[in-house]
Amino acid sequence: FRHIDRQRMKFDTIATHNDLQNGEPLLRAAMKNGRRAAAKEPLTKSRERVCAELARLPESLRSLERGNLYSVEIAESLYRLARVADEAVTR
């Protein structure tokens, strides 16, 4: 999930598919039952979307020079799932 502050990307949160977080979902279904989940996006629409997302990048991330790091948080739901998986493997 992407968190926005004053029209700029602030940080992202990675969570399980059923853990709804604040912010904008980053993933959308591409396929469903072997078929495309949504209509094909026209190239002009893709360009507009990319330009809009680039405009939301923090200034420190707009350069090819090394700037500040972008924060990505892991949700507790994903840590719980990892613990369950670890326990299942170590039994």
N, C-alpha and C. Protein backbone atom coordinates (compact mmCIF):
# COMPACT_ATOMS: atom_id res chain seq x y z
N PHE A 1 0.85 -1.17 0.00
CA PHE A 1 0.00 0.00 0.00
C PHE A 1 0.89 1.23 0.00
N ARG A 2 0.55 2.20 -0.82
CA ARG A 2 1.34 3.42 -0.93
C ARG A 2 0.71 4.52 -0.08
N HIS A 3 1.52 5.15 0.73
CA HIS A 3 1.08 6.24 1.59
C HIS A 3 1.55 7.56 0.97
N ILE A 4 0.61 8.49 0.85
CA ILE A 4 0.85 9.77 0.18
C ILE A 4 0.68 10.89 1.19
N ASP A 5 1.57 11.88 1.11
CA ASP A 5 1.47 13.07 1.95
C ASP A 5 1.69 14.28 1.07
N ARG A 6 0.72 15.16 0.98
CA ARG A 6 0.79 16.37 0.13
C ARG A 6 1.18 16.03 -1.31
N GLN A 7 0.49 15.05 -1.86
CA GLN A 7 0.68 14.63 -3.26
C GLN A 7 2.04 14.01 -3.55
N ARG A 8 2.77 13.61 -2.51
CA ARG A 8 4.07 12.96 -2.69
C ARG A 8 4.06 11.60 -2.00
N MET A 9 4.75 10.64 -2.61
CA MET A 9 4.90 9.32 -2.01
C MET A 9 5.70 9.46 -0.72
N LYS A 10 5.17 8.88 0.35
CA LYS A 10 5.85 8.97 1.64
C LYS A 10 6.53 7.64 1.99
N PHE A 11 5.78 6.54 1.93
CA PHE A 11 6.33 5.20 2.17
C PHE A 11 5.32 4.17 1.69
N ASP A 12 5.78 2.92 1.57
CA ASP A 12 4.92 1.81 1.19
C ASP A 12 4.85 0.81 2.33
N THR A 13 3.77 0.06 2.37
CA THR A 13 3.61 -1.04 3.32
C THR A 13 3.32 -2.31 2.54
N ILE A 14 4.07 -3.37 2.83
CA ILE A 14 3.82 -4.67 2.22
C ILE A 14 3.01 -5.48 3.22
N ALA A 15 1.89 -6.03 2.76
CA ALA A 15 0.99 -6.79 3.63
C ALA A 15 0.47 -8.01 2.89
N THR A 16 -0.21 -8.89 3.61
CA THR A 16 -0.85 -10.03 2.97
C THR A 16 -2.05 -9.55 2.16
N HIS A 17 -2.52 -10.38 1.23
CA HIS A 17 -3.59 -9.96 0.32
C HIS A 17 -4.89 -9.59 1.03
N ASN A 18 -5.12 -10.16 2.20
CA ASN A 18 -6.38 -9.89 2.91
C ASN A 18 -6.22 -8.90 4.06
N ASP A 19 -5.08 -8.28 4.18
CA ASP A 19 -4.83 -7.30 5.24
C ASP A 19 -4.94 -5.90 4.64
N LEU A 20 -6.10 -5.32 4.77
CA LEU A 20 -6.31 -3.98 4.22
C LEU A 20 -5.61 -2.95 5.09
N GLN A 21 -4.80 -2.15 4.46
CA GLN A 21 -4.03 -1.11 5.13
C GLN A 21 -4.51 0.25 4.66
N ASN A 22 -4.15 1.28 5.39
CA ASN A 22 -4.36 2.63 4.89
C ASN A 22 -3.47 2.81 3.67
N GLY A 23 -3.86 3.69 2.79
CA GLY A 23 -3.05 3.96 1.61
C GLY A 23 -3.65 3.35 0.36
N GLU A 24 -2.96 3.55 -0.75
CA GLU A 24 -3.44 3.07 -2.05
C GLU A 24 -2.89 1.68 -2.32
N PRO A 25 -3.74 0.74 -2.71
CA PRO A 25 -3.22 -0.59 -3.06
C PRO A 25 -2.25 -0.48 -4.23
N LEU A 26 -1.14 -1.24 -4.14
CA LEU A 26 -0.14 -1.22 -5.21
C LEU A 26 -0.38 -2.32 -6.23
N LEU A 27 -1.00 -3.41 -5.81
CA LEU A 27 -1.21 -4.54 -6.71
C LEU A 27 -2.67 -4.63 -7.13
N ARG A 28 -2.85 -4.98 -8.39
CA ARG A 28 -4.18 -5.23 -8.92
C ARG A 28 -4.14 -6.55 -9.66
N ALA A 29 -5.24 -7.27 -9.65
CA ALA A 29 -5.29 -8.55 -10.35
C ALA A 29 -5.10 -8.32 -11.85
N ALA A 30 -4.19 -9.07 -12.45
CA ALA A 30 -3.97 -8.99 -13.89
C ALA A 30 -4.74 -10.07 -14.62
N MET A 31 -4.87 -11.25 -13.97
CA MET A 31 -5.56 -12.38 -14.58
C MET A 31 -6.59 -12.93 -13.60
N LYS A 32 -7.68 -13.45 -14.13
CA LYS A 32 -8.69 -14.10 -13.31
C LYS A 32 -9.28 -15.23 -14.14
N ASN A 33 -9.22 -16.44 -13.60
CA ASN A 33 -9.71 -17.62 -14.32
C ASN A 33 -9.09 -17.75 -15.71
N GLY A 34 -7.80 -17.43 -15.82
CA GLY A 34 -7.09 -17.57 -17.09
C GLY A 34 -7.36 -16.47 -18.10
N ARG A 35 -8.05 -15.45 -17.68
CA ARG A 35 -8.39 -14.34 -18.59
C ARG A 35 -7.90 -13.03 -17.99
N ARG A 36 -7.70 -12.07 -18.87
CA ARG A 36 -7.31 -10.73 -18.43
C ARG A 36 -8.40 -10.17 -17.52
N ALA A 37 -8.00 -9.62 -16.37
CA ALA A 37 -8.96 -9.13 -15.38
C ALA A 37 -9.56 -7.78 -15.77
N ALA A 38 -8.86 -7.03 -16.57
CA ALA A 38 -9.35 -5.71 -16.98
C ALA A 38 -9.04 -5.51 -18.46
N ALA A 39 -9.72 -4.57 -19.04
CA ALA A 39 -9.48 -4.25 -20.45
C ALA A 39 -8.05 -3.77 -20.64
N LYS A 40 -7.50 -4.02 -21.81
CA LYS A 40 -6.15 -3.55 -22.14
C LYS A 40 -6.11 -2.03 -22.08
N GLU A 41 -5.09 -1.51 -21.39
CA GLU A 41 -4.95 -0.06 -21.25
C GLU A 41 -4.30 0.52 -22.50
N PRO A 42 -4.89 1.54 -23.09
CA PRO A 42 -4.26 2.18 -24.25
C PRO A 42 -2.91 2.79 -23.87
N LEU A 43 -1.99 2.82 -24.82
CA LEU A 43 -0.65 3.34 -24.57
C LEU A 43 -0.68 4.78 -24.06
N THR A 44 -1.56 5.61 -24.59
CA THR A 44 -1.63 7.00 -24.12
C THR A 44 -2.02 7.06 -22.65
N LYS A 45 -2.92 6.18 -22.22
CA LYS A 45 -3.34 6.13 -20.81
C LYS A 45 -2.17 5.65 -19.95
N SER A 46 -1.41 4.67 -20.43
CA SER A 46 -0.24 4.19 -19.68
C SER A 46 0.78 5.30 -19.50
N ARG A 47 1.03 6.07 -20.55
CA ARG A 47 1.98 7.19 -20.46
C ARG A 47 1.51 8.23 -19.45
N GLU A 48 0.22 8.55 -19.47
CA GLU A 48 -0.32 9.53 -18.53
C GLU A 48 -0.17 9.04 -17.09
N ARG A 49 -0.44 7.75 -16.87
CA ARG A 49 -0.34 7.18 -15.53
C ARG A 49 1.11 7.22 -15.04
N VAL A 50 2.04 6.85 -15.91
CA VAL A 50 3.46 6.87 -15.53
C VAL A 50 3.91 8.30 -15.21
N CYS A 51 3.53 9.27 -16.03
CA CYS A 51 3.90 10.67 -15.76
C CYS A 51 3.33 11.15 -14.44
N ALA A 52 2.10 10.79 -14.15
CA ALA A 52 1.47 11.19 -12.89
C ALA A 52 2.20 10.57 -11.70
N GLU A 53 2.58 9.29 -11.81
CA GLU A 53 3.30 8.62 -10.71
C GLU A 53 4.69 9.21 -10.53
N LEU A 54 5.38 9.51 -11.61
CA LEU A 54 6.71 10.14 -11.50
C LEU A 54 6.62 11.50 -10.81
N ALA A 55 5.56 12.23 -11.07
CA ALA A 55 5.38 13.55 -10.45
C ALA A 55 5.18 13.43 -8.94
N ARG A 56 4.72 12.25 -8.48
CA ARG A 56 4.50 12.05 -7.04
C ARG A 56 5.75 11.58 -6.30
N LEU A 57 6.81 11.29 -7.03
CA LEU A 57 8.05 10.88 -6.37
C LEU A 57 8.60 12.01 -5.51
N PRO A 58 9.13 11.71 -4.34
CA PRO A 58 9.79 12.74 -3.54
C PRO A 58 10.99 13.28 -4.33
N GLU A 59 11.32 14.53 -4.12
CA GLU A 59 12.45 15.16 -4.82
C GLU A 59 13.72 14.33 -4.71
N SER A 60 13.97 13.76 -3.55
CA SER A 60 15.21 13.01 -3.33
C SER A 60 15.31 11.76 -4.18
N LEU A 61 14.20 11.31 -4.77
CA LEU A 61 14.21 10.11 -5.59
C LEU A 61 14.10 10.40 -7.08
N ARG A 62 14.09 11.65 -7.46
CA ARG A 62 13.91 12.03 -8.86
C ARG A 62 15.21 12.09 -9.65
N SER A 63 16.31 11.92 -9.00
CA SER A 63 17.61 12.04 -9.65
C SER A 63 18.21 10.65 -9.85
N LEU A 64 19.10 10.54 -10.82
CA LEU A 64 19.84 9.30 -10.99
C LEU A 64 20.96 9.18 -9.96
N GLU A 65 21.27 10.30 -9.32
CA GLU A 65 22.26 10.28 -8.25
C GLU A 65 21.65 9.64 -7.02
N ARG A 66 22.49 9.03 -6.22
CA ARG A 66 21.99 8.38 -5.00
C ARG A 66 21.44 9.43 -4.04
N GLY A 67 20.20 9.28 -3.68
CA GLY A 67 19.56 10.20 -2.74
C GLY A 67 19.14 9.46 -1.49
N ASN A 68 18.11 9.94 -0.88
CA ASN A 68 17.57 9.27 0.30
C ASN A 68 16.94 7.94 -0.11
N LEU A 69 16.86 7.04 0.84
CA LEU A 69 16.19 5.78 0.59
C LEU A 69 14.68 5.94 0.73
N TYR A 70 13.93 5.12 0.03
CA TYR A 70 12.47 5.14 0.14
C TYR A 70 12.08 4.08 1.16
N SER A 71 11.26 4.45 2.11
CA SER A 71 10.90 3.56 3.20
C SER A 71 9.81 2.57 2.78
N VAL A 72 10.06 1.30 3.06
CA VAL A 72 9.07 0.24 2.84
C VAL A 72 8.93 -0.52 4.15
N GLU A 73 7.70 -0.54 4.68
CA GLU A 73 7.42 -1.22 5.94
C GLU A 73 6.77 -2.58 5.68
N ILE A 74 7.00 -3.52 6.59
CA ILE A 74 6.39 -4.84 6.51
C ILE A 74 5.27 -4.87 7.56
N ALA A 75 4.05 -5.20 7.12
CA ALA A 75 2.90 -5.25 8.03
C ALA A 75 3.02 -6.45 8.96
N GLU A 76 2.44 -6.33 10.13
CA GLU A 76 2.45 -7.41 11.12
C GLU A 76 1.84 -8.69 10.54
N SER A 77 0.85 -8.57 9.68
CA SER A 77 0.22 -9.76 9.08
C SER A 77 1.23 -10.60 8.30
N LEU A 78 2.18 -9.96 7.66
CA LEU A 78 3.19 -10.69 6.91
C LEU A 78 4.21 -11.34 7.84
N TYR A 79 4.55 -10.66 8.93
CA TYR A 79 5.43 -11.27 9.93
C TYR A 79 4.77 -12.50 10.54
N ARG A 80 3.46 -12.41 10.84
CA ARG A 80 2.73 -13.56 11.40
C ARG A 80 2.75 -14.74 10.42
N LEU A 81 2.49 -14.47 9.16
CA LEU A 81 2.49 -15.52 8.15
C LEU A 81 3.87 -16.17 8.04
N ALA A 82 4.92 -15.37 8.11
CA ALA A 82 6.28 -15.90 8.04
C ALA A 82 6.57 -16.79 9.25
N ARG A 83 6.10 -16.39 10.44
CA ARG A 83 6.30 -17.22 11.63
C ARG A 83 5.60 -18.57 11.49
N VAL A 84 4.38 -18.55 10.98
CA VAL A 84 3.62 -19.79 10.77
C VAL A 84 4.37 -20.69 9.78
N ALA A 85 4.88 -20.12 8.70
CA ALA A 85 5.63 -20.90 7.72
C ALA A 85 6.91 -21.46 8.33
N ASP A 86 7.62 -20.65 9.10
CA ASP A 86 8.84 -21.11 9.74
C ASP A 86 8.55 -22.27 10.70
N GLU A 87 7.48 -22.16 11.47
CA GLU A 87 7.11 -23.23 12.40
C GLU A 87 6.76 -24.50 11.67
N ALA A 88 6.07 -24.39 10.54
CA ALA A 88 5.68 -25.57 9.77
C ALA A 88 6.90 -26.28 9.20
N VAL A 89 7.92 -25.54 8.83
CA VAL A 89 9.12 -26.13 8.25
C VAL A 89 9.99 -26.78 9.31
N THR A 90 10.02 -26.21 10.49
CA THR A 90 10.93 -26.71 11.55
C THR A 90 10.32 -27.84 12.35
N ARG A 91 9.09 -28.24 12.09
CA ARG A 91 8.47 -29.35 12.84
C ARG A 91 9.00 -30.67 12.38
